[in-house]
Amino acid sequence: MTITAWALTTGETGMRTQARGLAHAVADHVIEKTVPSRWRQVRGGVAPADQLSPPWPDLLITCGRRSVARAIALRKASGGRTVTVHVQDPRGRRDAFDLVIAMGHDRIPAGGNVMKIATALHDLTPENLADAGRLWEARFHPLGRPLAGVVVGGDLKGRPFTLSDGARMLAGLRRLRDEGATSLAITPSRRTPATVRALFAQAFADDPRVFLWDLQGDNPYRAILALSDRLVVTSDSVSMVSEALSTPHPVEVFDLGFSRHVGFVQQLVDQGLIRRFDGEPAPPHTTGPINATHQAANAVRALLRARTPQARTGVAG
């Protein structure tokens, strides 16, 4: 039986990646939908159903606070036949969903219909990483081995990625480059401040064993995850750290001290899944691929199996 899923989010990249990744891991046909930032309120605080109309999907995966009310409305409209899953804490509406998937550091307690996971959901697979690696293998080959992939994020609300942060990270990368004779493949993001990108560009301008993406042309992010021997990721993005951990490579996190992610980083350190990055030449031990998407997908499949064909009459599929 063909499974149809809607991935309904508030539109941010991280939200979309989590909902879409879980949807594709379970469903045969996935449609992405977005809750607009402002929408006219109607009875009970439910948004107009102009974008959400039957036939209803077999599975609805939501992520983002504004998606909660629409999920509740759709569940009611489908007569409870659509399996509803919310990623992150729905803030007091846990009983309105068949399944809630929350991070380990989130305050919502596990149990009942709440599953706690160590890392964020995402849409990376061994197959799409291998495809990216093949596209970039020839370009990275001249850098030599060992190769450290470096993923650099940027500002968060209320906390900028400062030039001082960049200088601290650069000191660790220089130590790794010099003492560990390690090549570097560095990819900043579009959130990385221009001052930090310029600092790195100046520092490694004449080094033939350092690649620094200039934000032009194809994005090497997935190829770096696929081809590196070890990974260094900044702590501003839960998604980037989680995606790095889904590879077989050892992972270090450059801790920016952003209060929003302190609990997440500390939990991973305590579990021995990551090491804080300071340029230590010896690589950390490998924990093996950690992919919470697989764990969540198994739970969702069990819910779908529990819905009999008779109960699913009138649902898209």
C-alpha atoms as a PDB file:
ATOM      1  CA  MET A   1       0.000   0.000   0.000  1.00  0.00           C
ATOM      2  CA  THR A   2       1.338   3.414  -0.953  1.00  0.00           C
ATOM      3  CA  ILE A   3       1.888   5.750   2.005  1.00  0.00           C
ATOM      4  CA  THR A   4       1.374   9.480   1.502  1.00  0.00           C
ATOM      5  CA  ALA A   5       2.864  11.970   3.978  1.00  0.00           C
ATOM      6  CA  TRP A   6       2.640  15.707   4.434  1.00  0.00           C
ATOM      7  CA  ALA A   7       5.606  17.459   6.041  1.00  0.00           C
ATOM      8  CA  LEU A   8       4.114  20.630   7.523  1.00  0.00           C
ATOM      9  CA  THR A   9       6.541  23.128   9.033  1.00  0.00           C
ATOM     10  CA  THR A  10       7.028  26.793   9.762  1.00  0.00           C
ATOM     11  CA  GLY A  11       9.492  27.037   6.893  1.00  0.00           C
ATOM     12  CA  GLU A  12      12.868  27.304   8.598  1.00  0.00           C
ATOM     13  CA  THR A  13      15.578  25.121   7.038  1.00  0.00           C
ATOM     14  CA  GLY A  14      16.158  23.072  10.177  1.00  0.00           C
ATOM     15  CA  MET A  15      12.436  22.445  10.669  1.00  0.00           C
ATOM     16  CA  ARG A  16      11.960  21.420   7.048  1.00  0.00           C
ATOM     17  CA  THR A  17      14.943  19.065   7.136  1.00  0.00           C
ATOM     18  CA  GLN A  18      13.652  17.218  10.190  1.00  0.00           C
ATOM     19  CA  ALA A  19      10.064  16.786   8.998  1.00  0.00           C
ATOM     20  CA  ARG A  20      11.063  15.989   5.416  1.00  0.00           C
ATOM     21  CA  GLY A  21      13.750  13.532   6.486  1.00  0.00           C
ATOM     22  CA  LEU A  22      11.365  11.515   8.651  1.00  0.00           C
ATOM     23  CA  ALA A  23       8.643  11.642   6.016  1.00  0.00           C
ATOM     24  CA  HIS A  24      10.922  10.301   3.277  1.00  0.00           C
ATOM     25  CA  ALA A  25      12.174   7.551   5.598  1.00  0.00           C
ATOM     26  CA  VAL A  26       8.617   6.231   5.960  1.00  0.00           C
ATOM     27  CA  ALA A  27       6.409   7.321   3.063  1.00  0.00           C
ATOM     28  CA  ASP A  28       6.323   6.613  -0.653  1.00  0.00           C
ATOM     29  CA  HIS A  29       5.017  10.061  -1.565  1.00  0.00           C
ATOM     30  CA  VAL A  30       5.928  13.211   0.389  1.00  0.00           C
ATOM     31  CA  ILE A  31       4.445  16.692   0.020  1.00  0.00           C
ATOM     32  CA  GLU A  32       5.980  19.649   1.850  1.00  0.00           C
ATOM     33  CA  LYS A  33       3.681  22.361   3.164  1.00  0.00           C
ATOM     34  CA  THR A  34       4.444  25.539   5.091  1.00  0.00           C
ATOM     35  CA  VAL A  35       2.476  27.447   7.698  1.00  0.00           C
ATOM     36  CA  PRO A  36       2.791  31.143   6.806  1.00  0.00           C
ATOM     37  CA  SER A  37       4.248  33.451   9.417  1.00  0.00           C
ATOM     38  CA  ARG A  38       0.947  35.285   9.722  1.00  0.00           C
ATOM     39  CA  TRP A  39      -2.428  33.769   9.089  1.00  0.00           C
ATOM     40  CA  ARG A  40      -5.966  34.851   9.838  1.00  0.00           C
ATOM     41  CA  GLN A  41      -7.299  33.349  13.072  1.00  0.00           C
ATOM     42  CA  VAL A  42     -10.706  31.661  13.023  1.00  0.00           C
ATOM     43  CA  ARG A  43     -12.772  29.765  15.575  1.00  0.00           C
ATOM     44  CA  GLY A  44     -10.644  27.995  18.182  1.00  0.00           C
ATOM     45  CA  GLY A  45      -7.445  29.510  16.827  1.00  0.00           C
ATOM     46  CA  VAL A  46      -7.442  27.168  13.836  1.00  0.00           C
ATOM     47  CA  ALA A  47      -6.096  28.527  10.554  1.00  0.00           C
ATOM     48  CA  PRO A  48      -8.142  28.545   7.348  1.00  0.00           C
ATOM     49  CA  ALA A  49      -7.807  25.209   5.533  1.00  0.00           C
ATOM     50  CA  ASP A  50      -6.997  26.731   2.127  1.00  0.00           C
ATOM     51  CA  GLN A  51      -3.736  24.793   1.909  1.00  0.00           C
ATOM     52  CA  LEU A  52      -4.910  21.767   3.893  1.00  0.00           C
ATOM     53  CA  SER A  53      -7.827  20.036   2.245  1.00  0.00           C
ATOM     54  CA  PRO A  54      -8.789  16.425   1.542  1.00  0.00           C
ATOM     55  CA  PRO A  55      -7.883  13.850   0.543  1.00  0.00           C
ATOM     56  CA  TRP A  56      -6.017  13.715   3.831  1.00  0.00           C
ATOM     57  CA  PRO A  57      -2.592  12.052   4.007  1.00  0.00           C
ATOM     58  CA  ASP A  58      -1.878   8.781   5.754  1.00  0.00           C
ATOM     59  CA  LEU A  59       0.766  10.581   7.786  1.00  0.00           C
ATOM     60  CA  LEU A  60       1.208  14.179   8.923  1.00  0.00           C
ATOM     61  CA  ILE A  61       4.585  15.218  10.330  1.00  0.00           C
ATOM     62  CA  THR A  62       4.790  18.701  11.808  1.00  0.00           C
ATOM     63  CA  CYS A  63       7.653  20.753  13.181  1.00  0.00           C
ATOM     64  CA  GLY A  64       7.509  24.272  14.571  1.00  0.00           C
ATOM     65  CA  ARG A  65       5.161  25.829  17.115  1.00  0.00           C
ATOM     66  CA  ARG A  66       2.830  27.411  14.559  1.00  0.00           C
ATOM     67  CA  SER A  67       2.146  24.043  12.946  1.00  0.00           C
ATOM     68  CA  VAL A  68       0.536  22.575  16.079  1.00  0.00           C
ATOM     69  CA  ALA A  69      -2.931  24.133  15.659  1.00  0.00           C
ATOM     70  CA  ARG A  70      -3.165  23.082  12.027  1.00  0.00           C
ATOM     71  CA  ALA A  71      -2.123  19.521  12.890  1.00  0.00           C
ATOM     72  CA  ILE A  72      -4.859  19.303  15.512  1.00  0.00           C
ATOM     73  CA  ALA A  73      -7.406  20.621  13.006  1.00  0.00           C
ATOM     74  CA  LEU A  74      -6.344  18.128  10.325  1.00  0.00           C
ATOM     75  CA  ARG A  75      -6.457  15.220  12.749  1.00  0.00           C
ATOM     76  CA  LYS A  76     -10.048  16.147  13.625  1.00  0.00           C
ATOM     77  CA  ALA A  77     -11.021  16.689   9.986  1.00  0.00           C
ATOM     78  CA  SER A  78      -9.685  13.251   9.002  1.00  0.00           C
ATOM     79  CA  GLY A  79     -11.710  11.605  11.740  1.00  0.00           C
ATOM     80  CA  GLY A  80      -8.499  10.556  13.447  1.00  0.00           C
ATOM     81  CA  ARG A  81      -7.475   8.398  10.494  1.00  0.00           C
ATOM     82  CA  THR A  82      -4.329  10.393   9.697  1.00  0.00           C
ATOM     83  CA  VAL A  83      -1.368   9.466  11.891  1.00  0.00           C
ATOM     84  CA  THR A  84      -0.048  12.713  13.378  1.00  0.00           C
ATOM     85  CA  VAL A  85       3.548  13.128  14.506  1.00  0.00           C
ATOM     86  CA  HIS A  86       5.088  16.290  15.942  1.00  0.00           C
ATOM     87  CA  VAL A  87       8.846  16.859  16.027  1.00  0.00           C
ATOM     88  CA  GLN A  88      10.027  18.919  19.039  1.00  0.00           C
ATOM     89  CA  ASP A  89       7.989  19.909  22.091  1.00  0.00           C
ATOM     90  CA  PRO A  90       4.379  20.868  21.192  1.00  0.00           C
ATOM     91  CA  ARG A  91       4.188  22.908  24.404  1.00  0.00           C
ATOM     92  CA  GLY A  92       1.418  21.249  26.373  1.00  0.00           C
ATOM     93  CA  ARG A  93      -0.391  19.612  23.442  1.00  0.00           C
ATOM     94  CA  ARG A  94       1.328  16.233  23.561  1.00  0.00           C
ATOM     95  CA  ASP A  95      -1.968  14.356  23.805  1.00  0.00           C
ATOM     96  CA  ALA A  96      -3.127  15.904  20.536  1.00  0.00           C
ATOM     97  CA  PHE A  97      -0.626  13.764  18.590  1.00  0.00           C
ATOM     98  CA  ASP A  98      -0.145  10.056  18.026  1.00  0.00           C
ATOM     99  CA  LEU A  99       3.584  10.546  18.550  1.00  0.00           C
ATOM    100  CA  VAL A 100       5.819  13.358  19.774  1.00  0.00           C
ATOM    101  CA  ILE A 101       9.543  13.141  18.971  1.00  0.00           C
ATOM    102  CA  ALA A 102      11.671  15.390  21.178  1.00  0.00           C
ATOM    103  CA  MET A 103      15.375  15.870  21.734  1.00  0.00           C
ATOM    104  CA  GLY A 104      16.949  14.431  24.847  1.00  0.00           C
ATOM    105  CA  HIS A 105      17.624  17.886  26.304  1.00  0.00           C
ATOM    106  CA  ASP A 106      14.037  19.093  25.771  1.00  0.00           C
ATOM    107  CA  ARG A 107      12.037  19.498  28.968  1.00  0.00           C
ATOM    108  CA  ILE A 108       9.098  17.360  27.895  1.00  0.00           C
ATOM    109  CA  PRO A 109       9.348  13.992  29.736  1.00  0.00           C
ATOM    110  CA  ALA A 110       9.581  10.710  27.855  1.00  0.00           C
ATOM    111  CA  GLY A 111       6.867   8.099  28.114  1.00  0.00           C
ATOM    112  CA  GLY A 112       3.489   7.376  26.624  1.00  0.00           C
ATOM    113  CA  ASN A 113       3.418   8.900  23.171  1.00  0.00           C
ATOM    114  CA  VAL A 114       6.664  10.866  23.681  1.00  0.00           C
ATOM    115  CA  MET A 115       9.898   9.502  22.220  1.00  0.00           C
ATOM    116  CA  LYS A 116      13.192  11.126  23.218  1.00  0.00           C
ATOM    117  CA  ILE A 117      16.102  11.057  20.746  1.00  0.00           C
ATOM    118  CA  ALA A 118      19.755  12.021  21.134  1.00  0.00           C
ATOM    119  CA  THR A 119      20.203  13.843  17.827  1.00  0.00           C
ATOM    120  CA  ALA A 120      18.019  15.786  15.418  1.00  0.00           C
ATOM    121  CA  LEU A 121      16.187  14.171  12.530  1.00  0.00           C
ATOM    122  CA  HIS A 122      17.517  14.866   9.034  1.00  0.00           C
ATOM    123  CA  ASP A 123      17.382  13.739   5.424  1.00  0.00           C
ATOM    124  CA  LEU A 124      20.936  12.469   4.960  1.00  0.00           C
ATOM    125  CA  THR A 125      21.358   8.875   3.853  1.00  0.00           C
ATOM    126  CA  PRO A 126      24.422   6.777   2.992  1.00  0.00           C
ATOM    127  CA  GLU A 127      23.260   6.929  -0.628  1.00  0.00           C
ATOM    128  CA  ASN A 128      23.033  10.705  -0.996  1.00  0.00           C
ATOM    129  CA  LEU A 129      26.294  11.161   0.884  1.00  0.00           C
ATOM    130  CA  ALA A 130      28.012   8.687  -1.443  1.00  0.00           C
ATOM    131  CA  ASP A 131      26.616  10.532  -4.465  1.00  0.00           C
ATOM    132  CA  ALA A 132      28.007  13.826  -3.165  1.00  0.00           C
ATOM    133  CA  GLY A 133      31.358  12.235  -2.414  1.00  0.00           C
ATOM    134  CA  ARG A 134      31.719  10.965  -5.971  1.00  0.00           C
ATOM    135  CA  LEU A 135      31.138  14.472  -7.337  1.00  0.00           C
ATOM    136  CA  TRP A 136      33.883  16.009  -5.200  1.00  0.00           C
ATOM    137  CA  GLU A 137      36.391  13.174  -4.798  1.00  0.00           C
ATOM    138  CA  ALA A 138      38.691  14.359  -7.575  1.00  0.00           C
ATOM    139  CA  ARG A 139      38.679  17.934  -6.264  1.00  0.00           C
ATOM    140  CA  PHE A 140      39.574  16.896  -2.720  1.00  0.00           C
ATOM    141  CA  HIS A 141      42.150  14.253  -3.679  1.00  0.00           C
ATOM    142  CA  PRO A 142      45.081  16.743  -4.005  1.00  0.00           C
ATOM    143  CA  LEU A 143      44.586  17.842  -0.384  1.00  0.00           C
ATOM    144  CA  GLY A 144      45.935  14.523   0.844  1.00  0.00           C
ATOM    145  CA  ARG A 145      45.244  12.533   3.991  1.00  0.00           C
ATOM    146  CA  PRO A 146      44.298  12.659   6.776  1.00  0.00           C
ATOM    147  CA  LEU A 147      41.500  15.073   5.916  1.00  0.00           C
ATOM    148  CA  ALA A 148      39.478  16.971   8.497  1.00  0.00           C
ATOM    149  CA  GLY A 149      36.139  18.328   7.349  1.00  0.00           C
ATOM    150  CA  VAL A 150      35.253  21.616   9.030  1.00  0.00           C
ATOM    151  CA  VAL A 151      31.665  22.875   9.074  1.00  0.00           C
ATOM    152  CA  VAL A 152      31.266  26.485  10.210  1.00  0.00           C
ATOM    153  CA  GLY A 153      27.917  27.989  11.174  1.00  0.00           C
ATOM    154  CA  GLY A 154      27.052  31.490  12.262  1.00  0.00           C
ATOM    155  CA  ASP A 155      24.964  33.804  14.389  1.00  0.00           C
ATOM    156  CA  LEU A 156      21.959  32.815  16.454  1.00  0.00           C
ATOM    157  CA  LYS A 157      19.303  35.128  17.778  1.00  0.00           C
ATOM    158  CA  GLY A 158      20.761  37.042  20.691  1.00  0.00           C
ATOM    159  CA  ARG A 159      24.275  35.659  20.225  1.00  0.00           C
ATOM    160  CA  PRO A 160      26.563  36.573  17.311  1.00  0.00           C
ATOM    161  CA  PHE A 161      29.419  34.454  15.996  1.00  0.00           C
ATOM    162  CA  THR A 162      32.137  36.983  16.810  1.00  0.00           C
ATOM    163  CA  LEU A 163      35.554  37.593  15.310  1.00  0.00           C
ATOM    164  CA  SER A 164      36.949  36.448  18.656  1.00  0.00           C
ATOM    165  CA  ASP A 165      35.106  33.140  18.240  1.00  0.00           C
ATOM    166  CA  GLY A 166      36.612  32.845  14.777  1.00  0.00           C
ATOM    167  CA  ALA A 167      40.105  33.513  16.094  1.00  0.00           C
ATOM    168  CA  ARG A 168      39.732  30.788  18.755  1.00  0.00           C
ATOM    169  CA  MET A 169      38.564  28.300  16.172  1.00  0.00           C
ATOM    170  CA  LEU A 170      41.341  29.300  13.788  1.00  0.00           C
ATOM    171  CA  ALA A 171      43.945  28.663  16.510  1.00  0.00           C
ATOM    172  CA  GLY A 172      42.624  25.117  16.904  1.00  0.00           C
ATOM    173  CA  LEU A 173      42.598  24.526  13.150  1.00  0.00           C
ATOM    174  CA  ARG A 174      46.180  25.762  12.836  1.00  0.00           C
ATOM    175  CA  ARG A 175      47.244  23.402  15.597  1.00  0.00           C
ATOM    176  CA  LEU A 176      45.502  20.512  13.849  1.00  0.00           C
ATOM    177  CA  ARG A 177      47.053  21.505  10.523  1.00  0.00           C
ATOM    178  CA  ASP A 178      50.595  21.936  11.871  1.00  0.00           C
ATOM    179  CA  GLU A 179      50.965  19.392  14.674  1.00  0.00           C
ATOM    180  CA  GLY A 180      48.726  16.760  13.114  1.00  0.00           C
ATOM    181  CA  ALA A 181      49.814  17.271   9.498  1.00  0.00           C
ATOM    182  CA  THR A 182      46.110  17.232   8.722  1.00  0.00           C
ATOM    183  CA  SER A 183      44.556  18.654   5.578  1.00  0.00           C
ATOM    184  CA  LEU A 184      41.416  20.766   5.939  1.00  0.00           C
ATOM    185  CA  ALA A 185      38.242  21.025   3.873  1.00  0.00           C
ATOM    186  CA  ILE A 186      36.306  23.968   5.309  1.00  0.00           C
ATOM    187  CA  THR A 187      32.774  24.929   4.424  1.00  0.00           C
ATOM    188  CA  PRO A 188      31.264  28.053   5.948  1.00  0.00           C
ATOM    189  CA  SER A 189      27.523  28.592   5.768  1.00  0.00           C
ATOM    190  CA  ARG A 190      25.675  31.613   4.516  1.00  0.00           C
ATOM    191  CA  ARG A 191      25.179  32.516   8.181  1.00  0.00           C
ATOM    192  CA  THR A 192      28.933  32.718   8.774  1.00  0.00           C
ATOM    193  CA  PRO A 193      29.910  36.384   9.277  1.00  0.00           C
ATOM    194  CA  ALA A 194      31.974  37.849   6.446  1.00  0.00           C
ATOM    195  CA  THR A 195      34.655  38.880   8.942  1.00  0.00           C
ATOM    196  CA  VAL A 196      35.142  35.269  10.054  1.00  0.00           C
ATOM    197  CA  ARG A 197      35.257  34.022   6.467  1.00  0.00           C
ATOM    198  CA  ALA A 198      37.849  36.673   5.636  1.00  0.00           C
ATOM    199  CA  LEU A 199      39.920  35.670   8.678  1.00  0.00           C
ATOM    200  CA  PHE A 200      40.037  32.043   7.527  1.00  0.00           C
ATOM    201  CA  ALA A 201      40.715  33.011   3.912  1.00  0.00           C
ATOM    202  CA  GLN A 202      43.690  35.135   4.887  1.00  0.00           C
ATOM    203  CA  ALA A 203      45.100  32.500   7.233  1.00  0.00           C
ATOM    204  CA  PHE A 204      45.032  29.677   4.670  1.00  0.00           C
ATOM    205  CA  ALA A 205      45.428  31.619   1.420  1.00  0.00           C
ATOM    206  CA  ASP A 206      48.702  29.974   0.373  1.00  0.00           C
ATOM    207  CA  ASP A 207      48.197  26.508   1.860  1.00  0.00           C
ATOM    208  CA  PRO A 208      47.750  23.852  -0.851  1.00  0.00           C
ATOM    209  CA  ARG A 209      46.371  21.405   1.707  1.00  0.00           C
ATOM    210  CA  VAL A 210      43.459  23.597   2.755  1.00  0.00           C
ATOM    211  CA  PHE A 211      40.217  23.987   0.826  1.00  0.00           C
ATOM    212  CA  LEU A 212      37.940  26.851   1.853  1.00  0.00           C
ATOM    213  CA  TRP A 213      34.609  27.165   0.070  1.00  0.00           C
ATOM    214  CA  ASP A 214      33.906  30.720  -1.083  1.00  0.00           C
ATOM    215  CA  LEU A 215      30.107  30.266  -1.216  1.00  0.00           C
ATOM    216  CA  GLN A 216      30.262  30.168  -5.020  1.00  0.00           C
ATOM    217  CA  GLY A 217      29.171  27.223  -7.134  1.00  0.00           C
ATOM    218  CA  ASP A 218      28.225  23.804  -5.801  1.00  0.00           C
ATOM    219  CA  ASN A 219      27.969  23.437  -2.039  1.00  0.00           C
ATOM    220  CA  PRO A 220      30.546  20.878  -0.796  1.00  0.00           C
ATOM    221  CA  TYR A 221      28.804  20.265   2.554  1.00  0.00           C
ATOM    222  CA  ARG A 222      27.602  16.728   1.918  1.00  0.00           C
ATOM    223  CA  ALA A 223      30.833  15.777   0.138  1.00  0.00           C
ATOM    224  CA  ILE A 224      32.839  16.948   3.155  1.00  0.00           C
ATOM    225  CA  LEU A 225      30.712  14.782   5.433  1.00  0.00           C
ATOM    226  CA  ALA A 226      31.247  11.835   3.103  1.00  0.00           C
ATOM    227  CA  LEU A 227      34.969  12.114   2.342  1.00  0.00           C
ATOM    228  CA  SER A 228      36.610  13.384   5.536  1.00  0.00           C
ATOM    229  CA  ASP A 229      38.494  11.240   8.041  1.00  0.00           C
ATOM    230  CA  ARG A 230      37.265  13.347  10.968  1.00  0.00           C
ATOM    231  CA  LEU A 231      34.768  16.181  11.351  1.00  0.00           C
ATOM    232  CA  VAL A 232      34.773  19.485  13.217  1.00  0.00           C
ATOM    233  CA  VAL A 233      31.423  21.272  13.535  1.00  0.00           C
ATOM    234  CA  THR A 234      30.465  24.495  15.303  1.00  0.00           C
ATOM    235  CA  SER A 235      27.900  24.181  18.090  1.00  0.00           C
ATOM    236  CA  ASP A 236      25.404  26.760  16.812  1.00  0.00           C
ATOM    237  CA  SER A 237      23.473  24.200  14.771  1.00  0.00           C
ATOM    238  CA  VAL A 238      21.919  21.087  16.296  1.00  0.00           C
ATOM    239  CA  SER A 239      21.193  19.873  12.766  1.00  0.00           C
ATOM    240  CA  MET A 240      24.803  20.166  11.570  1.00  0.00           C
ATOM    241  CA  VAL A 241      26.122  18.300  14.623  1.00  0.00           C
ATOM    242  CA  SER A 242      23.466  15.611  14.215  1.00  0.00           C
ATOM    243  CA  GLU A 243      24.230  15.158  10.527  1.00  0.00           C
ATOM    244  CA  ALA A 244      27.945  14.839  11.275  1.00  0.00           C
ATOM    245  CA  LEU A 245      27.175  12.115  13.821  1.00  0.00           C
ATOM    246  CA  SER A 246      25.226  10.175  11.195  1.00  0.00           C
ATOM    247  CA  THR A 247      28.511   9.503   9.352  1.00  0.00           C
ATOM    248  CA  PRO A 248      31.077   6.873  10.395  1.00  0.00           C
ATOM    249  CA  HIS A 249      33.661   9.585  11.184  1.00  0.00           C
ATOM    250  CA  PRO A 250      34.729  10.838  14.630  1.00  0.00           C
ATOM    251  CA  VAL A 251      33.146  14.192  15.474  1.00  0.00           C
ATOM    252  CA  GLU A 252      34.451  17.181  17.410  1.00  0.00           C
ATOM    253  CA  VAL A 253      32.364  20.242  18.228  1.00  0.00           C
ATOM    254  CA  PHE A 254      33.782  23.743  18.492  1.00  0.00           C
ATOM    255  CA  ASP A 255      31.752  25.059  21.408  1.00  0.00           C
ATOM    256  CA  LEU A 256      30.626  28.635  20.874  1.00  0.00           C
ATOM    257  CA  GLY A 257      28.961  28.679  24.286  1.00  0.00           C
ATOM    258  CA  PHE A 258      25.550  29.572  22.870  1.00  0.00           C
ATOM    259  CA  SER A 259      23.164  29.105  25.817  1.00  0.00           C
ATOM    260  CA  ARG A 260      20.465  27.712  23.536  1.00  0.00           C
ATOM    261  CA  HIS A 261      22.533  24.591  22.804  1.00  0.00           C
ATOM    262  CA  VAL A 262      24.544  24.100  25.995  1.00  0.00           C
ATOM    263  CA  GLY A 263      22.416  21.153  27.128  1.00  0.00           C
ATOM    264  CA  PHE A 264      22.589  19.434  23.755  1.00  0.00           C
ATOM    265  CA  VAL A 265      26.377  19.688  23.518  1.00  0.00           C
ATOM    266  CA  GLN A 266      26.957  18.616  27.115  1.00  0.00           C
ATOM    267  CA  GLN A 267      24.697  15.603  26.728  1.00  0.00           C
ATOM    268  CA  LEU A 268      26.674  14.418  23.702  1.00  0.00           C
ATOM    269  CA  VAL A 269      29.965  14.942  25.558  1.00  0.00           C
ATOM    270  CA  ASP A 270      28.672  13.010  28.571  1.00  0.00           C
ATOM    271  CA  GLN A 271      27.592  10.147  26.316  1.00  0.00           C
ATOM    272  CA  GLY A 272      31.017  10.031  24.681  1.00  0.00           C
ATOM    273  CA  LEU A 273      29.566  10.801  21.260  1.00  0.00           C
ATOM    274  CA  ILE A 274      31.629  13.936  20.616  1.00  0.00           C
ATOM    275  CA  ARG A 275      34.733  15.727  21.869  1.00  0.00           C
ATOM    276  CA  ARG A 276      35.074  19.474  22.247  1.00  0.00           C
ATOM    277  CA  PHE A 277      37.442  20.788  19.605  1.00  0.00           C
ATOM    278  CA  ASP A 278      40.685  22.491  20.636  1.00  0.00           C
ATOM    279  CA  GLY A 279      42.995  21.318  17.852  1.00  0.00           C
ATOM    280  CA  GLU A 280      44.171  18.119  19.542  1.00  0.00           C
ATOM    281  CA  PRO A 281      45.999  16.269  16.732  1.00  0.00           C
ATOM    282  CA  ALA A 282      44.974  12.778  17.825  1.00  0.00           C
ATOM    283  CA  PRO A 283      41.470  12.097  16.549  1.00  0.00           C
ATOM    284  CA  PRO A 284      38.695  11.179  18.991  1.00  0.00           C
ATOM    285  CA  HIS A 285      37.390   7.649  19.006  1.00  0.00           C
ATOM    286  CA  THR A 286      34.765   6.752  16.453  1.00  0.00           C
ATOM    287  CA  THR A 287      31.262   6.178  17.821  1.00  0.00           C
ATOM    288  CA  GLY A 288      29.883   4.895  14.536  1.00  0.00           C
ATOM    289  CA  PRO A 289      26.905   6.300  12.672  1.00  0.00           C
ATOM    290  CA  ILE A 290      24.173   7.598  14.987  1.00  0.00           C
ATOM    291  CA  ASN A 291      20.933   8.261  13.166  1.00  0.00           C
ATOM    292  CA  ALA A 292      17.839   9.093  15.206  1.00  0.00           C
ATOM    293  CA  THR A 293      15.813   9.259  11.997  1.00  0.00           C
ATOM    294  CA  HIS A 294      15.910   5.455  11.740  1.00  0.00           C
ATOM    295  CA  GLN A 295      14.694   5.087  15.335  1.00  0.00           C
ATOM    296  CA  ALA A 296      11.849   7.548  14.783  1.00  0.00           C
ATOM    297  CA  ALA A 297      10.894   5.980  11.446  1.00  0.00           C
ATOM    298  CA  ASN A 298      10.470   2.554  13.078  1.00  0.00           C
ATOM    299  CA  ALA A 299       8.083   4.047  15.636  1.00  0.00           C
ATOM    300  CA  VAL A 300       6.060   5.779  12.916  1.00  0.00           C
ATOM    301  CA  ARG A 301       5.850   2.590  10.833  1.00  0.00           C
ATOM    302  CA  ALA A 302       4.410   0.772  13.849  1.00  0.00           C
ATOM    303  CA  LEU A 303       1.689   3.424  14.152  1.00  0.00           C
ATOM    304  CA  LEU A 304       0.864   3.153  10.445  1.00  0.00           C
ATOM    305  CA  ARG A 305       0.643  -0.640  10.643  1.00  0.00           C
ATOM    306  CA  ALA A 306      -1.836  -0.290  13.502  1.00  0.00           C
ATOM    307  CA  ARG A 307      -4.226   1.603  11.240  1.00  0.00           C
ATOM    308  CA  THR A 308      -6.210  -1.081   9.418  1.00  0.00           C
ATOM    309  CA  PRO A 309      -7.195  -0.599   5.766  1.00  0.00           C
ATOM    310  CA  GLN A 310     -10.805  -0.162   6.929  1.00  0.00           C
ATOM    311  CA  ALA A 311      -9.825   2.624   9.317  1.00  0.00           C
ATOM    312  CA  ARG A 312      -7.888   4.319   6.530  1.00  0.00           C
ATOM    313  CA  THR A 313     -10.850   4.553   4.113  1.00  0.00           C
ATOM    314  CA  GLY A 314     -11.068   8.082   2.745  1.00  0.00           C
ATOM    315  CA  VAL A 315      -7.432   8.858   3.483  1.00  0.00           C
ATOM    316  CA  ALA A 316      -5.079   9.653   0.611  1.00  0.00           C
ATOM    317  CA  GLY A 317      -2.935   6.757  -0.497  1.00  0.00           C
END
